[in-house]
Amino acid sequence: MSINDTLLKEIPEGYTPTYSQVTVFKDDEMQLIKNLYDQAIYKDQHNIILSLYNRMVKVMEVEPNQKPIEFVDTAIKDYNYYTQNM
């Protein structure tokens, strides 16, 4: 297991989160989302990213103005921001 396999995702200094609703997820749920996302990026599986996007939008009750890949990435960063800064 490496640091890339953990929930932590590096957040830039001065990062401003976009979706506070991301806190509806539990750590294990977000870990699964991150793992699926990372694997889908690596294997170029856009259908997985689209599925993650659709489910996350429904659970978070948001209407993002981002492409699915950008939204999932932002949500992962936002989750890390909120859990590290609470």
PDB file of N, CA and C in Angstrom:
ATOM      1  N   MET A   1       0.847  -1.178   0.000  1.00  0.00           N
ATOM      2  CA  MET A   1       0.000   0.000   0.000  1.00  0.00           C
ATOM      3  C   MET A   1       0.890   1.237   0.000  1.00  0.00           C
ATOM      4  N   SER A   2       0.569   2.180  -0.841  1.00  0.00           N
ATOM      5  CA  SER A   2       1.347   3.413  -0.914  1.00  0.00           C
ATOM      6  C   SER A   2       0.476   4.587  -0.482  1.00  0.00           C
ATOM      7  N   ILE A   3       1.083   5.750  -0.377  1.00  0.00           N
ATOM      8  CA  ILE A   3       0.340   6.961  -0.016  1.00  0.00           C
ATOM      9  C   ILE A   3      -0.757   7.248  -1.041  1.00  0.00           C
ATOM     10  N   ASN A   4      -0.552   6.846  -2.292  1.00  0.00           N
ATOM     11  CA  ASN A   4      -1.557   7.070  -3.332  1.00  0.00           C
ATOM     12  C   ASN A   4      -2.799   6.207  -3.123  1.00  0.00           C
ATOM     13  N   ASP A   5      -2.647   5.144  -2.325  1.00  0.00           N
ATOM     14  CA  ASP A   5      -3.776   4.260  -2.049  1.00  0.00           C
ATOM     15  C   ASP A   5      -4.628   4.752  -0.878  1.00  0.00           C
ATOM     16  N   THR A   6      -4.187   5.786  -0.214  1.00  0.00           N
ATOM     17  CA  THR A   6      -4.939   6.309   0.915  1.00  0.00           C
ATOM     18  C   THR A   6      -5.917   7.377   0.449  1.00  0.00           C
ATOM     19  N   LEU A   7      -6.759   7.785   1.361  1.00  0.00           N
ATOM     20  CA  LEU A   7      -7.758   8.795   1.055  1.00  0.00           C
ATOM     21  C   LEU A   7      -7.127  10.157   0.802  1.00  0.00           C
ATOM     22  N   LEU A   8      -5.989  10.404   1.422  1.00  0.00           N
ATOM     23  CA  LEU A   8      -5.372  11.717   1.311  1.00  0.00           C
ATOM     24  C   LEU A   8      -5.026  12.072  -0.127  1.00  0.00           C
ATOM     25  N   LYS A   9      -5.386  13.257  -0.507  1.00  0.00           N
ATOM     26  CA  LYS A   9      -5.043  13.797  -1.820  1.00  0.00           C
ATOM     27  C   LYS A   9      -4.461  15.169  -1.540  1.00  0.00           C
ATOM     28  N   GLU A  10      -3.326  15.449  -2.118  1.00  0.00           N
ATOM     29  CA  GLU A  10      -2.658  16.703  -1.837  1.00  0.00           C
ATOM     30  C   GLU A  10      -3.534  17.877  -2.254  1.00  0.00           C
ATOM     31  N   ILE A  11      -3.646  18.815  -1.348  1.00  0.00           N
ATOM     32  CA  ILE A  11      -4.451  20.009  -1.589  1.00  0.00           C
ATOM     33  C   ILE A  11      -3.498  21.199  -1.652  1.00  0.00           C
ATOM     34  N   PRO A  12      -3.614  22.003  -2.707  1.00  0.00           N
ATOM     35  CA  PRO A  12      -2.722  23.161  -2.832  1.00  0.00           C
ATOM     36  C   PRO A  12      -2.925  24.169  -1.690  1.00  0.00           C
ATOM     37  N   GLU A  13      -1.884  24.891  -1.366  1.00  0.00           N
ATOM     38  CA  GLU A  13      -1.942  25.951  -0.356  1.00  0.00           C
ATOM     39  C   GLU A  13      -3.005  26.968  -0.781  1.00  0.00           C
ATOM     40  N   GLY A  14      -3.839  27.380   0.148  1.00  0.00           N
ATOM     41  CA  GLY A  14      -4.873  28.368  -0.148  1.00  0.00           C
ATOM     42  C   GLY A  14      -6.062  27.813  -0.917  1.00  0.00           C
ATOM     43  N   TYR A  15      -6.202  26.497  -0.925  1.00  0.00           N
ATOM     44  CA  TYR A  15      -7.302  25.841  -1.647  1.00  0.00           C
ATOM     45  C   TYR A  15      -8.656  26.294  -1.108  1.00  0.00           C
ATOM     46  N   THR A  16      -9.583  26.592  -2.010  1.00  0.00           N
ATOM     47  CA  THR A  16     -10.945  26.966  -1.631  1.00  0.00           C
ATOM     48  C   THR A  16     -11.881  25.867  -2.099  1.00  0.00           C
ATOM     49  N   PRO A  17     -12.548  25.190  -1.174  1.00  0.00           N
ATOM     50  CA  PRO A  17     -13.455  24.110  -1.565  1.00  0.00           C
ATOM     51  C   PRO A  17     -14.687  24.632  -2.297  1.00  0.00           C
ATOM     52  N   THR A  18     -15.274  23.771  -3.101  1.00  0.00           N
ATOM     53  CA  THR A  18     -16.433  24.127  -3.916  1.00  0.00           C
ATOM     54  C   THR A  18     -17.720  23.518  -3.374  1.00  0.00           C
ATOM     55  N   TYR A  19     -17.651  22.283  -2.911  1.00  0.00           N
ATOM     56  CA  TYR A  19     -18.851  21.541  -2.522  1.00  0.00           C
ATOM     57  C   TYR A  19     -18.809  21.123  -1.051  1.00  0.00           C
ATOM     58  N   SER A  20     -19.429  21.902  -0.192  1.00  0.00           N
ATOM     59  CA  SER A  20     -19.487  21.529   1.229  1.00  0.00           C
ATOM     60  C   SER A  20     -20.354  20.281   1.423  1.00  0.00           C
ATOM     61  N   GLN A  21     -21.223  20.004   0.467  1.00  0.00           N
ATOM     62  CA  GLN A  21     -22.113  18.839   0.553  1.00  0.00           C
ATOM     63  C   GLN A  21     -21.347  17.520   0.532  1.00  0.00           C
ATOM     64  N   VAL A  22     -20.093  17.554   0.164  1.00  0.00           N
ATOM     65  CA  VAL A  22     -19.282  16.336   0.079  1.00  0.00           C
ATOM     66  C   VAL A  22     -19.141  15.666   1.440  1.00  0.00           C
ATOM     67  N   THR A  23     -19.407  16.397   2.499  1.00  0.00           N
ATOM     68  CA  THR A  23     -19.278  15.837   3.842  1.00  0.00           C
ATOM     69  C   THR A  23     -20.392  14.840   4.174  1.00  0.00           C
ATOM     70  N   VAL A  24     -21.340  14.646   3.279  1.00  0.00           N
ATOM     71  CA  VAL A  24     -22.363  13.604   3.495  1.00  0.00           C
ATOM     72  C   VAL A  24     -21.752  12.208   3.389  1.00  0.00           C
ATOM     73  N   PHE A  25     -20.602  12.104   2.758  1.00  0.00           N
ATOM     74  CA  PHE A  25     -19.940  10.812   2.600  1.00  0.00           C
ATOM     75  C   PHE A  25     -19.122  10.469   3.835  1.00  0.00           C
ATOM     76  N   LYS A  26     -19.010   9.176   4.112  1.00  0.00           N
ATOM     77  CA  LYS A  26     -18.159   8.675   5.185  1.00  0.00           C
ATOM     78  C   LYS A  26     -16.777   8.412   4.596  1.00  0.00           C
ATOM     79  N   ASP A  27     -15.785   8.252   5.464  1.00  0.00           N
ATOM     80  CA  ASP A  27     -14.416   8.005   5.007  1.00  0.00           C
ATOM     81  C   ASP A  27     -14.325   6.797   4.082  1.00  0.00           C
ATOM     82  N   ASP A  28     -14.969   5.699   4.460  1.00  0.00           N
ATOM     83  CA  ASP A  28     -14.865   4.494   3.634  1.00  0.00           C
ATOM     84  C   ASP A  28     -15.557   4.672   2.280  1.00  0.00           C
ATOM     85  N   GLU A  29     -16.623   5.451   2.240  1.00  0.00           N
ATOM     86  CA  GLU A  29     -17.294   5.720   0.965  1.00  0.00           C
ATOM     87  C   GLU A  29     -16.410   6.573   0.055  1.00  0.00           C
ATOM     88  N   MET A  30     -15.788   7.583   0.640  1.00  0.00           N
ATOM     89  CA  MET A  30     -14.926   8.445  -0.170  1.00  0.00           C
ATOM     90  C   MET A  30     -13.668   7.700  -0.599  1.00  0.00           C
ATOM     91  N   GLN A  31     -13.189   6.782   0.241  1.00  0.00           N
ATOM     92  CA  GLN A  31     -12.031   5.972  -0.149  1.00  0.00           C
ATOM     93  C   GLN A  31     -12.379   5.118  -1.363  1.00  0.00           C
ATOM     94  N   LEU A  32     -13.564   4.540  -1.365  1.00  0.00           N
ATOM     95  CA  LEU A  32     -14.019   3.741  -2.502  1.00  0.00           C
ATOM     96  C   LEU A  32     -14.152   4.615  -3.754  1.00  0.00           C
ATOM     97  N   ILE A  33     -14.722   5.799  -3.604  1.00  0.00           N
ATOM     98  CA  ILE A  33     -14.861   6.731  -4.732  1.00  0.00           C
ATOM     99  C   ILE A  33     -13.486   7.066  -5.304  1.00  0.00           C
ATOM    100  N   LYS A  34     -12.545   7.396  -4.410  1.00  0.00           N
ATOM    101  CA  LYS A  34     -11.187   7.752  -4.856  1.00  0.00           C
ATOM    102  C   LYS A  34     -10.523   6.582  -5.569  1.00  0.00           C
ATOM    103  N   ASN A  35     -10.649   5.383  -5.012  1.00  0.00           N
ATOM    104  CA  ASN A  35     -10.039   4.207  -5.639  1.00  0.00           C
ATOM    105  C   ASN A  35     -10.631   3.939  -7.021  1.00  0.00           C
ATOM    106  N   LEU A  36     -11.950   4.004  -7.116  1.00  0.00           N
ATOM    107  CA  LEU A  36     -12.606   3.795  -8.413  1.00  0.00           C
ATOM    108  C   LEU A  36     -12.201   4.872  -9.412  1.00  0.00           C
ATOM    109  N   TYR A  37     -12.147   6.110  -8.954  1.00  0.00           N
ATOM    110  CA  TYR A  37     -11.754   7.231  -9.803  1.00  0.00           C
ATOM    111  C   TYR A  37     -10.319   7.053 -10.311  1.00  0.00           C
ATOM    112  N   ASP A  38      -9.401   6.777  -9.404  1.00  0.00           N
ATOM    113  CA  ASP A  38      -7.997   6.605  -9.796  1.00  0.00           C
ATOM    114  C   ASP A  38      -7.839   5.459 -10.791  1.00  0.00           C
ATOM    115  N   GLN A  39      -8.525   4.363 -10.527  1.00  0.00           N
ATOM    116  CA  GLN A  39      -8.450   3.204 -11.413  1.00  0.00           C
ATOM    117  C   GLN A  39      -9.065   3.532 -12.783  1.00  0.00           C
ATOM    118  N   ALA A  40     -10.176   4.250 -12.789  1.00  0.00           N
ATOM    119  CA  ALA A  40     -10.830   4.619 -14.049  1.00  0.00           C
ATOM    120  C   ALA A  40      -9.950   5.563 -14.873  1.00  0.00           C
ATOM    121  N   ILE A  41      -9.264   6.466 -14.214  1.00  0.00           N
ATOM    122  CA  ILE A  41      -8.336   7.368 -14.918  1.00  0.00           C
ATOM    123  C   ILE A  41      -7.217   6.542 -15.549  1.00  0.00           C
ATOM    124  N   TYR A  42      -6.639   5.644 -14.748  1.00  0.00           N
ATOM    125  CA  TYR A  42      -5.528   4.820 -15.207  1.00  0.00           C
ATOM    126  C   TYR A  42      -5.925   3.943 -16.384  1.00  0.00           C
ATOM    127  N   LYS A  43      -7.130   3.384 -16.334  1.00  0.00           N
ATOM    128  CA  LYS A  43      -7.576   2.465 -17.384  1.00  0.00           C
ATOM    129  C   LYS A  43      -8.429   3.139 -18.462  1.00  0.00           C
ATOM    130  N   ASP A  44      -8.571   4.470 -18.362  1.00  0.00           N
ATOM    131  CA  ASP A  44      -9.331   5.238 -19.353  1.00  0.00           C
ATOM    132  C   ASP A  44     -10.780   4.737 -19.461  1.00  0.00           C
ATOM    133  N   GLN A  45     -11.403   4.535 -18.303  1.00  0.00           N
ATOM    134  CA  GLN A  45     -12.776   4.031 -18.245  1.00  0.00           C
ATOM    135  C   GLN A  45     -13.736   5.181 -17.918  1.00  0.00           C
ATOM    136  N   HIS A  46     -14.134   5.895 -18.948  1.00  0.00           N
ATOM    137  CA  HIS A  46     -14.983   7.069 -18.764  1.00  0.00           C
ATOM    138  C   HIS A  46     -16.368   6.702 -18.226  1.00  0.00           C
ATOM    139  N   ASN A  47     -16.827   5.497 -18.531  1.00  0.00           N
ATOM    140  CA  ASN A  47     -18.134   5.072 -18.036  1.00  0.00           C
ATOM    141  C   ASN A  47     -18.156   4.976 -16.516  1.00  0.00           C
ATOM    142  N   ILE A  48     -17.046   4.580 -15.911  1.00  0.00           N
ATOM    143  CA  ILE A  48     -16.953   4.502 -14.448  1.00  0.00           C
ATOM    144  C   ILE A  48     -17.014   5.906 -13.853  1.00  0.00           C
ATOM    145  N   ILE A  49     -16.291   6.829 -14.451  1.00  0.00           N
ATOM    146  CA  ILE A  49     -16.286   8.212 -13.973  1.00  0.00           C
ATOM    147  C   ILE A  49     -17.686   8.814 -14.101  1.00  0.00           C
ATOM    148  N   LEU A  50     -18.357   8.537 -15.198  1.00  0.00           N
ATOM    149  CA  LEU A  50     -19.716   9.038 -15.391  1.00  0.00           C
ATOM    150  C   LEU A  50     -20.668   8.455 -14.354  1.00  0.00           C
ATOM    151  N   SER A  51     -20.514   7.185 -14.035  1.00  0.00           N
ATOM    152  CA  SER A  51     -21.343   6.552 -13.004  1.00  0.00           C
ATOM    153  C   SER A  51     -21.085   7.180 -11.631  1.00  0.00           C
ATOM    154  N   LEU A  52     -19.813   7.399 -11.310  1.00  0.00           N
ATOM    155  CA  LEU A  52     -19.467   8.059 -10.048  1.00  0.00           C
ATOM    156  C   LEU A  52     -20.085   9.451  -9.994  1.00  0.00           C
ATOM    157  N   TYR A  53     -19.938  10.177 -11.070  1.00  0.00           N
ATOM    158  CA  TYR A  53     -20.477  11.532 -11.170  1.00  0.00           C
ATOM    159  C   TYR A  53     -21.986  11.536 -10.909  1.00  0.00           C
ATOM    160  N   ASN A  54     -22.704  10.682 -11.610  1.00  0.00           N
ATOM    161  CA  ASN A  54     -24.161  10.647 -11.478  1.00  0.00           C
ATOM    162  C   ASN A  54     -24.596  10.305 -10.062  1.00  0.00           C
ATOM    163  N   ARG A  55     -23.930   9.338  -9.448  1.00  0.00           N
ATOM    164  CA  ARG A  55     -24.287   8.929  -8.086  1.00  0.00           C
ATOM    165  C   ARG A  55     -23.947  10.020  -7.075  1.00  0.00           C
ATOM    166  N   MET A  56     -22.774  10.631  -7.223  1.00  0.00           N
ATOM    167  CA  MET A  56     -22.353  11.669  -6.288  1.00  0.00           C
ATOM    168  C   MET A  56     -23.262  12.896  -6.380  1.00  0.00           C
ATOM    169  N   VAL A  57     -23.626  13.280  -7.582  1.00  0.00           N
ATOM    170  CA  VAL A  57     -24.526  14.429  -7.775  1.00  0.00           C
ATOM    171  C   VAL A  57     -25.861  14.167  -7.081  1.00  0.00           C
ATOM    172  N   LYS A  58     -26.357  12.951  -7.213  1.00  0.00           N
ATOM    173  CA  LYS A  58     -27.634  12.583  -6.588  1.00  0.00           C
ATOM    174  C   LYS A  58     -27.529  12.607  -5.063  1.00  0.00           C
ATOM    175  N   VAL A  59     -26.492  11.981  -4.515  1.00  0.00           N
ATOM    176  CA  VAL A  59     -26.321  11.906  -3.062  1.00  0.00           C
ATOM    177  C   VAL A  59     -26.050  13.292  -2.468  1.00  0.00           C
ATOM    178  N   MET A  60     -25.223  14.079  -3.138  1.00  0.00           N
ATOM    179  CA  MET A  60     -24.859  15.400  -2.637  1.00  0.00           C
ATOM    180  C   MET A  60     -25.938  16.452  -2.913  1.00  0.00           C
ATOM    181  N   GLU A  61     -26.869  16.132  -3.807  1.00  0.00           N
ATOM    182  CA  GLU A  61     -27.939  17.055  -4.189  1.00  0.00           C
ATOM    183  C   GLU A  61     -27.369  18.386  -4.691  1.00  0.00           C
ATOM    184  N   VAL A  62     -26.488  18.281  -5.690  1.00  0.00           N
ATOM    185  CA  VAL A  62     -25.877  19.458  -6.304  1.00  0.00           C
ATOM    186  C   VAL A  62     -26.071  19.411  -7.813  1.00  0.00           C
ATOM    187  N   GLU A  63     -25.911  20.568  -8.438  1.00  0.00           N
ATOM    188  CA  GLU A  63     -25.934  20.670  -9.893  1.00  0.00           C
ATOM    189  C   GLU A  63     -24.630  21.338 -10.329  1.00  0.00           C
ATOM    190  N   PRO A  64     -23.579  20.527 -10.494  1.00  0.00           N
ATOM    191  CA  PRO A  64     -22.260  21.093 -10.816  1.00  0.00           C
ATOM    192  C   PRO A  64     -22.187  21.653 -12.230  1.00  0.00           C
ATOM    193  N   ASN A  65     -21.316  22.636 -12.385  1.00  0.00           N
ATOM    194  CA  ASN A  65     -21.041  23.222 -13.695  1.00  0.00           C
ATOM    195  C   ASN A  65     -19.729  22.699 -14.249  1.00  0.00           C
ATOM    196  N   GLN A  66     -19.327  21.533 -13.794  1.00  0.00           N
ATOM    197  CA  GLN A  66     -18.062  20.926 -14.218  1.00  0.00           C
ATOM    198  C   GLN A  66     -18.331  19.644 -14.989  1.00  0.00           C
ATOM    199  N   LYS A  67     -17.348  19.275 -15.794  1.00  0.00           N
ATOM    200  CA  LYS A  67     -17.398  17.977 -16.471  1.00  0.00           C
ATOM    201  C   LYS A  67     -17.285  16.899 -15.403  1.00  0.00           C
ATOM    202  N   PRO A  68     -17.818  15.696 -15.666  1.00  0.00           N
ATOM    203  CA  PRO A  68     -17.770  14.628 -14.660  1.00  0.00           C
ATOM    204  C   PRO A  68     -16.387  14.376 -14.071  1.00  0.00           C
ATOM    205  N   ILE A  69     -15.366  14.323 -14.895  1.00  0.00           N
ATOM    206  CA  ILE A  69     -14.013  14.035 -14.396  1.00  0.00           C
ATOM    207  C   ILE A  69     -13.521  15.144 -13.463  1.00  0.00           C
ATOM    208  N   GLU A  70     -13.844  16.384 -13.796  1.00  0.00           N
ATOM    209  CA  GLU A  70     -13.433  17.516 -12.962  1.00  0.00           C
ATOM    210  C   GLU A  70     -14.226  17.548 -11.663  1.00  0.00           C
ATOM    211  N   PHE A  71     -15.518  17.226 -11.753  1.00  0.00           N
ATOM    212  CA  PHE A  71     -16.366  17.231 -10.563  1.00  0.00           C
ATOM    213  C   PHE A  71     -15.888  16.200  -9.539  1.00  0.00           C
ATOM    214  N   VAL A  72     -15.650  14.978  -9.983  1.00  0.00           N
ATOM    215  CA  VAL A  72     -15.228  13.924  -9.048  1.00  0.00           C
ATOM    216  C   VAL A  72     -13.894  14.296  -8.414  1.00  0.00           C
ATOM    217  N   ASP A  73     -12.968  14.801  -9.196  1.00  0.00           N
ATOM    218  CA  ASP A  73     -11.669  15.218  -8.673  1.00  0.00           C
ATOM    219  C   ASP A  73     -11.839  16.327  -7.636  1.00  0.00           C
ATOM    220  N   THR A  74     -12.665  17.313  -7.944  1.00  0.00           N
ATOM    221  CA  THR A  74     -12.916  18.417  -7.023  1.00  0.00           C
ATOM    222  C   THR A  74     -13.568  17.913  -5.739  1.00  0.00           C
ATOM    223  N   ALA A  75     -14.527  17.017  -5.864  1.00  0.00           N
ATOM    224  CA  ALA A  75     -15.211  16.484  -4.687  1.00  0.00           C
ATOM    225  C   ALA A  75     -14.234  15.745  -3.772  1.00  0.00           C
ATOM    226  N   ILE A  76     -13.314  14.996  -4.347  1.00  0.00           N
ATOM    227  CA  ILE A  76     -12.308  14.282  -3.547  1.00  0.00           C
ATOM    228  C   ILE A  76     -11.420  15.291  -2.805  1.00  0.00           C
ATOM    229  N   LYS A  77     -10.990  16.315  -3.505  1.00  0.00           N
ATOM    230  CA  LYS A  77     -10.165  17.355  -2.870  1.00  0.00           C
ATOM    231  C   LYS A  77     -10.949  18.074  -1.779  1.00  0.00           C
ATOM    232  N   ASP A  78     -12.207  18.394  -2.069  1.00  0.00           N
ATOM    233  CA  ASP A  78     -13.038  19.082  -1.081  1.00  0.00           C
ATOM    234  C   ASP A  78     -13.216  18.230   0.168  1.00  0.00           C
ATOM    235  N   TYR A  79     -13.439  16.943  -0.009  1.00  0.00           N
ATOM    236  CA  TYR A  79     -13.597  16.045   1.135  1.00  0.00           C
ATOM    237  C   TYR A  79     -12.338  16.063   1.991  1.00  0.00           C
ATOM    238  N   ASN A  80     -11.198  15.988   1.350  1.00  0.00           N
ATOM    239  CA  ASN A  80      -9.937  16.052   2.076  1.00  0.00           C
ATOM    240  C   ASN A  80      -9.775  17.377   2.790  1.00  0.00           C
ATOM    241  N   TYR A  81     -10.156  18.446   2.130  1.00  0.00           N
ATOM    242  CA  TYR A  81     -10.063  19.774   2.746  1.00  0.00           C
ATOM    243  C   TYR A  81     -10.901  19.813   4.024  1.00  0.00           C
ATOM    244  N   TYR A  82     -12.150  19.401   3.927  1.00  0.00           N
ATOM    245  CA  TYR A  82     -13.043  19.464   5.082  1.00  0.00           C
ATOM    246  C   TYR A  82     -12.629  18.514   6.197  1.00  0.00           C
ATOM    247  N   THR A  83     -12.164  17.331   5.873  1.00  0.00           N
ATOM    248  CA  THR A  83     -11.785  16.383   6.923  1.00  0.00           C
ATOM    249  C   THR A  83     -10.445  16.743   7.565  1.00  0.00           C
ATOM    250  N   GLN A  84      -9.579  17.419   6.832  1.00  0.00           N
ATOM    251  CA  GLN A  84      -8.295  17.817   7.401  1.00  0.00           C
ATOM    252  C   GLN A  84      -8.374  19.121   8.153  1.00  0.00           C
ATOM    253  N   ASN A  85      -9.398  19.924   7.881  1.00  0.00           N
ATOM    254  CA  ASN A  85      -9.501  21.243   8.487  1.00  0.00           C
ATOM    255  C   ASN A  85     -10.667  21.378   9.456  1.00  0.00           C
ATOM    256  N   MET A  86     -11.202  20.260   9.918  1.00  0.00           N
ATOM    257  CA  MET A  86     -12.322  20.327  10.873  1.00  0.00           C
ATOM    258  C   MET A  86     -11.808  20.241  12.285  1.00  0.00           C
TER     259      MET A  86
END
